Amino acid sequence: MVEQSLGSIGQIKEVFTLVDFYQYIKGVEYLICVAFFIGFPMFYRYLHHKEQQTKTQTHH
């Protein structure tokens, strides 16, 4: 199932039933959630790391 999901990223998938459509959208949603949960903490650290650097540079 995971191999099918990862293999179909970026491909247009033809769906015939509502259940097929729901399963496809659910898989895409899970990938978006995983990307967000990995990307947001990295972005947050990047922003606050820059803020700490500017604070220490202005005090010295």
PDB file of N, CA and C in Angstrom:
ATOM      1  N   MET A   1       0.818  -1.199   0.000  1.00  0.00           N
ATOM      2  CA  MET A   1       0.000   0.000   0.000  1.00  0.00           C
ATOM      3  C   MET A   1       0.860   1.261   0.000  1.00  0.00           C
ATOM      4  N   VAL A   2       1.922   1.262   0.815  1.00  0.00           N
ATOM      5  CA  VAL A   2       2.805   2.424   0.866  1.00  0.00           C
ATOM      6  C   VAL A   2       3.533   2.589  -0.461  1.00  0.00           C
ATOM      7  N   GLU A   3       3.968   1.470  -1.046  1.00  0.00           N
ATOM      8  CA  GLU A   3       4.657   1.542  -2.332  1.00  0.00           C
ATOM      9  C   GLU A   3       3.743   2.095  -3.415  1.00  0.00           C
ATOM     10  N   GLN A   4       2.473   1.719  -3.374  1.00  0.00           N
ATOM     11  CA  GLN A   4       1.525   2.237  -4.355  1.00  0.00           C
ATOM     12  C   GLN A   4       1.323   3.732  -4.161  1.00  0.00           C
ATOM     13  N   SER A   5       1.228   4.163  -2.911  1.00  0.00           N
ATOM     14  CA  SER A   5       1.028   5.586  -2.636  1.00  0.00           C
ATOM     15  C   SER A   5       2.225   6.400  -3.086  1.00  0.00           C
ATOM     16  N   LEU A   6       3.427   5.930  -2.747  1.00  0.00           N
ATOM     17  CA  LEU A   6       4.624   6.670  -3.130  1.00  0.00           C
ATOM     18  C   LEU A   6       4.861   6.613  -4.632  1.00  0.00           C
ATOM     19  N   GLY A   7       4.486   5.519  -5.266  1.00  0.00           N
ATOM     20  CA  GLY A   7       4.670   5.387  -6.704  1.00  0.00           C
ATOM     21  C   GLY A   7       3.718   6.249  -7.505  1.00  0.00           C
ATOM     22  N   SER A   8       2.585   6.596  -6.921  1.00  0.00           N
ATOM     23  CA  SER A   8       1.598   7.368  -7.674  1.00  0.00           C
ATOM     24  C   SER A   8       1.663   8.862  -7.395  1.00  0.00           C
ATOM     25  N   ILE A   9       2.688   9.309  -6.700  1.00  0.00           N
ATOM     26  CA  ILE A   9       2.810  10.743  -6.423  1.00  0.00           C
ATOM     27  C   ILE A   9       3.061  11.473  -7.749  1.00  0.00           C
ATOM     28  N   GLY A  10       2.299  12.485  -7.978  1.00  0.00           N
ATOM     29  CA  GLY A  10       2.473  13.291  -9.177  1.00  0.00           C
ATOM     30  C   GLY A  10       1.788  12.742 -10.410  1.00  0.00           C
ATOM     31  N   GLN A  11       1.167  11.611 -10.308  1.00  0.00           N
ATOM     32  CA  GLN A  11       0.479  11.034 -11.450  1.00  0.00           C
ATOM     33  C   GLN A  11      -1.008  11.331 -11.354  1.00  0.00           C
ATOM     34  N   ILE A  12      -1.624  11.533 -12.512  1.00  0.00           N
ATOM     35  CA  ILE A  12      -3.068  11.689 -12.549  1.00  0.00           C
ATOM     36  C   ILE A  12      -3.667  10.290 -12.468  1.00  0.00           C
ATOM     37  N   LYS A  13      -4.522  10.092 -11.494  1.00  0.00           N
ATOM     38  CA  LYS A  13      -5.100   8.766 -11.303  1.00  0.00           C
ATOM     39  C   LYS A  13      -6.564   8.811 -11.703  1.00  0.00           C
ATOM     40  N   GLU A  14      -6.975   7.851 -12.492  1.00  0.00           N
ATOM     41  CA  GLU A  14      -8.366   7.779 -12.921  1.00  0.00           C
ATOM     42  C   GLU A  14      -9.149   6.990 -11.881  1.00  0.00           C
ATOM     43  N   VAL A  15     -10.170   7.610 -11.336  1.00  0.00           N
ATOM     44  CA  VAL A  15     -10.980   6.952 -10.322  1.00  0.00           C
ATOM     45  C   VAL A  15     -12.385   6.741 -10.865  1.00  0.00           C
ATOM     46  N   PHE A  16     -12.981   5.648 -10.480  1.00  0.00           N
ATOM     47  CA  PHE A  16     -14.297   5.292 -10.994  1.00  0.00           C
ATOM     48  C   PHE A  16     -15.388   5.388  -9.933  1.00  0.00           C
ATOM     49  N   THR A  17     -15.015   5.178  -8.671  1.00  0.00           N
ATOM     50  CA  THR A  17     -16.024   5.189  -7.619  1.00  0.00           C
ATOM     51  C   THR A  17     -15.654   6.213  -6.558  1.00  0.00           C
ATOM     52  N   LEU A  18     -16.606   6.539  -5.747  1.00  0.00           N
ATOM     53  CA  LEU A  18     -16.369   7.486  -4.657  1.00  0.00           C
ATOM     54  C   LEU A  18     -15.367   6.924  -3.656  1.00  0.00           C
ATOM     55  N   VAL A  19     -15.400   5.628  -3.426  1.00  0.00           N
ATOM     56  CA  VAL A  19     -14.465   5.004  -2.481  1.00  0.00           C
ATOM     57  C   VAL A  19     -13.033   5.103  -3.004  1.00  0.00           C
ATOM     58  N   ASP A  20     -12.828   4.860  -4.291  1.00  0.00           N
ATOM     59  CA  ASP A  20     -11.490   5.016  -4.874  1.00  0.00           C
ATOM     60  C   ASP A  20     -10.996   6.450  -4.724  1.00  0.00           C
ATOM     61  N   PHE A  21     -11.877   7.402  -5.003  1.00  0.00           N
ATOM     62  CA  PHE A  21     -11.520   8.807  -4.887  1.00  0.00           C
ATOM     63  C   PHE A  21     -11.158   9.148  -3.446  1.00  0.00           C
ATOM     64  N   TYR A  22     -11.947   8.675  -2.486  1.00  0.00           N
ATOM     65  CA  TYR A  22     -11.688   8.948  -1.075  1.00  0.00           C
ATOM     66  C   TYR A  22     -10.346   8.368  -0.636  1.00  0.00           C
ATOM     67  N   GLN A  23     -10.050   7.148  -1.061  1.00  0.00           N
ATOM     68  CA  GLN A  23      -8.784   6.531  -0.675  1.00  0.00           C
ATOM     69  C   GLN A  23      -7.603   7.281  -1.276  1.00  0.00           C
ATOM     70  N   TYR A  24      -7.738   7.740  -2.506  1.00  0.00           N
ATOM     71  CA  TYR A  24      -6.660   8.491  -3.155  1.00  0.00           C
ATOM     72  C   TYR A  24      -6.433   9.822  -2.428  1.00  0.00           C
ATOM     73  N   ILE A  25      -7.508  10.536  -2.142  1.00  0.00           N
ATOM     74  CA  ILE A  25      -7.392  11.824  -1.469  1.00  0.00           C
ATOM     75  C   ILE A  25      -6.843  11.648  -0.053  1.00  0.00           C
ATOM     76  N   LYS A  26      -7.256  10.583   0.623  1.00  0.00           N
ATOM     77  CA  LYS A  26      -6.763  10.318   1.976  1.00  0.00           C
ATOM     78  C   LYS A  26      -5.255  10.086   1.955  1.00  0.00           C
ATOM     79  N   GLY A  27      -4.766   9.349   0.980  1.00  0.00           N
ATOM     80  CA  GLY A  27      -3.325   9.114   0.872  1.00  0.00           C
ATOM     81  C   GLY A  27      -2.555  10.395   0.629  1.00  0.00           C
ATOM     82  N   VAL A  28      -3.072  11.241  -0.251  1.00  0.00           N
ATOM     83  CA  VAL A  28      -2.428  12.526  -0.524  1.00  0.00           C
ATOM     84  C   VAL A  28      -2.445  13.402   0.724  1.00  0.00           C
ATOM     85  N   GLU A  29      -3.552  13.381   1.452  1.00  0.00           N
ATOM     86  CA  GLU A  29      -3.667  14.172   2.679  1.00  0.00           C
ATOM     87  C   GLU A  29      -2.650  13.715   3.714  1.00  0.00           C
ATOM     88  N   TYR A  30      -2.463  12.424   3.859  1.00  0.00           N
ATOM     89  CA  TYR A  30      -1.470  11.922   4.813  1.00  0.00           C
ATOM     90  C   TYR A  30      -0.065  12.389   4.435  1.00  0.00           C
ATOM     91  N   LEU A  31       0.252  12.379   3.154  1.00  0.00           N
ATOM     92  CA  LEU A  31       1.571  12.842   2.726  1.00  0.00           C
ATOM     93  C   LEU A  31       1.750  14.330   3.014  1.00  0.00           C
ATOM     94  N   ILE A  32       0.703  15.118   2.809  1.00  0.00           N
ATOM     95  CA  ILE A  32       0.774  16.549   3.109  1.00  0.00           C
ATOM     96  C   ILE A  32       0.977  16.765   4.606  1.00  0.00           C
ATOM     97  N   CYS A  33       0.274  15.995   5.428  1.00  0.00           N
ATOM     98  CA  CYS A  33       0.415  16.118   6.887  1.00  0.00           C
ATOM     99  C   CYS A  33       1.827  15.758   7.343  1.00  0.00           C
ATOM    100  N   VAL A  34       2.371  14.693   6.806  1.00  0.00           N
ATOM    101  CA  VAL A  34       3.732  14.296   7.173  1.00  0.00           C
ATOM    102  C   VAL A  34       4.725  15.382   6.769  1.00  0.00           C
ATOM    103  N   ALA A  35       4.555  15.934   5.580  1.00  0.00           N
ATOM    104  CA  ALA A  35       5.450  17.005   5.129  1.00  0.00           C
ATOM    105  C   ALA A  35       5.338  18.224   6.040  1.00  0.00           C
ATOM    106  N   PHE A  36       4.125  18.558   6.465  1.00  0.00           N
ATOM    107  CA  PHE A  36       3.940  19.698   7.358  1.00  0.00           C
ATOM    108  C   PHE A  36       4.576  19.443   8.718  1.00  0.00           C
ATOM    109  N   PHE A  37       4.358  18.246   9.281  1.00  0.00           N
ATOM    110  CA  PHE A  37       4.895  17.945  10.601  1.00  0.00           C
ATOM    111  C   PHE A  37       6.416  17.874  10.604  1.00  0.00           C
ATOM    112  N   ILE A  38       7.018  17.612   9.471  1.00  0.00           N
ATOM    113  CA  ILE A  38       8.480  17.633   9.382  1.00  0.00           C
ATOM    114  C   ILE A  38       8.968  19.039   9.060  1.00  0.00           C
ATOM    115  N   GLY A  39       8.287  19.713   8.147  1.00  0.00           N
ATOM    116  CA  GLY A  39       8.745  21.016   7.668  1.00  0.00           C
ATOM    117  C   GLY A  39       8.530  22.163   8.631  1.00  0.00           C
ATOM    118  N   PHE A  40       7.406  22.184   9.332  1.00  0.00           N
ATOM    119  CA  PHE A  40       7.124  23.320  10.202  1.00  0.00           C
ATOM    120  C   PHE A  40       8.115  23.456  11.355  1.00  0.00           C
ATOM    121  N   PRO A  41       8.448  22.377  12.087  1.00  0.00           N
ATOM    122  CA  PRO A  41       9.446  22.545  13.157  1.00  0.00           C
ATOM    123  C   PRO A  41      10.813  22.997  12.621  1.00  0.00           C
ATOM    124  N   MET A  42      11.191  22.528  11.442  1.00  0.00           N
ATOM    125  CA  MET A  42      12.462  22.965  10.858  1.00  0.00           C
ATOM    126  C   MET A  42      12.412  24.460  10.538  1.00  0.00           C
ATOM    127  N   PHE A  43      11.296  24.914   9.973  1.00  0.00           N
ATOM    128  CA  PHE A  43      11.130  26.326   9.644  1.00  0.00           C
ATOM    129  C   PHE A  43      11.102  27.172  10.914  1.00  0.00           C
ATOM    130  N   TYR A  44      10.431  26.687  11.952  1.00  0.00           N
ATOM    131  CA  TYR A  44      10.354  27.398  13.229  1.00  0.00           C
ATOM    132  C   TYR A  44      11.745  27.554  13.845  1.00  0.00           C
ATOM    133  N   ARG A  45      12.516  26.488  13.832  1.00  0.00           N
ATOM    134  CA  ARG A  45      13.893  26.563  14.353  1.00  0.00           C
ATOM    135  C   ARG A  45      14.730  27.538  13.540  1.00  0.00           C
ATOM    136  N   TYR A  46      14.567  27.515  12.227  1.00  0.00           N
ATOM    137  CA  TYR A  46      15.318  28.416  11.358  1.00  0.00           C
ATOM    138  C   TYR A  46      15.006  29.874  11.699  1.00  0.00           C
ATOM    139  N   LEU A  47      13.732  30.209  11.883  1.00  0.00           N
ATOM    140  CA  LEU A  47      13.355  31.577  12.207  1.00  0.00           C
ATOM    141  C   LEU A  47      13.910  32.006  13.558  1.00  0.00           C
ATOM    142  N   HIS A  48      13.808  31.154  14.565  1.00  0.00           N
ATOM    143  CA  HIS A  48      14.271  31.531  15.888  1.00  0.00           C
ATOM    144  C   HIS A  48      15.786  31.496  16.000  1.00  0.00           C
ATOM    145  N   HIS A  49      16.451  30.704  15.197  1.00  0.00           N
ATOM    146  CA  HIS A  49      17.912  30.705  15.180  1.00  0.00           C
ATOM    147  C   HIS A  49      18.411  32.036  14.633  1.00  0.00           C
ATOM    148  N   LYS A  50      17.764  32.532  13.578  1.00  0.00           N
ATOM    149  CA  LYS A  50      18.119  33.837  13.019  1.00  0.00           C
ATOM    150  C   LYS A  50      17.881  34.946  14.050  1.00  0.00           C
ATOM    151  N   GLU A  51      16.778  34.854  14.772  1.00  0.00           N
ATOM    152  CA  GLU A  51      16.440  35.863  15.776  1.00  0.00           C
ATOM    153  C   GLU A  51      17.488  35.882  16.887  1.00  0.00           C
ATOM    154  N   GLN A  52      17.938  34.719  17.334  1.00  0.00           N
ATOM    155  CA  GLN A  52      18.954  34.641  18.379  1.00  0.00           C
ATOM    156  C   GLN A  52      20.280  35.229  17.896  1.00  0.00           C
ATOM    157  N   GLN A  53      20.629  34.989  16.632  1.00  0.00           N
ATOM    158  CA  GLN A  53      21.876  35.528  16.092  1.00  0.00           C
ATOM    159  C   GLN A  53      21.845  37.048  16.054  1.00  0.00           C
ATOM    160  N   THR A  54      20.720  37.624  15.662  1.00  0.00           N
ATOM    161  CA  THR A  54      20.647  39.083  15.597  1.00  0.00           C
ATOM    162  C   THR A  54      20.667  39.699  16.992  1.00  0.00           C
ATOM    163  N   LYS A  55      20.070  39.032  17.987  1.00  0.00           N
ATOM    164  CA  LYS A  55      20.106  39.543  19.359  1.00  0.00           C
ATOM    165  C   LYS A  55      21.518  39.523  19.920  1.00  0.00           C
ATOM    166  N   THR A  56      22.264  38.454  19.684  1.00  0.00           N
ATOM    167  CA  THR A  56      23.618  38.361  20.226  1.00  0.00           C
ATOM    168  C   THR A  56      24.553  39.291  19.492  1.00  0.00           C
ATOM    169  N   GLN A  57      24.326  39.564  18.232  1.00  0.00           N
ATOM    170  CA  GLN A  57      25.193  40.474  17.487  1.00  0.00           C
ATOM    171  C   GLN A  57      24.959  41.917  17.904  1.00  0.00           C
ATOM    172  N   THR A  58      23.759  42.285  18.258  1.00  0.00           N
ATOM    173  CA  THR A  58      23.487  43.670  18.637  1.00  0.00           C
ATOM    174  C   THR A  58      23.991  43.980  20.042  1.00  0.00           C
ATOM    175  N   HIS A  59      24.115  42.976  20.906  1.00  0.00           N
ATOM    176  CA  HIS A  59      24.578  43.223  22.270  1.00  0.00           C
ATOM    177  C   HIS A  59      26.090  43.248  22.361  1.00  0.00           C
ATOM    178  N   HIS A  60      26.806  42.711  21.401  1.00  0.00           N
ATOM    179  CA  HIS A  60      28.278  42.665  21.470  1.00  0.00           C
ATOM    180  C   HIS A  60      28.877  43.816  20.766  1.00  0.00           C
TER     181      HIS A  60
END
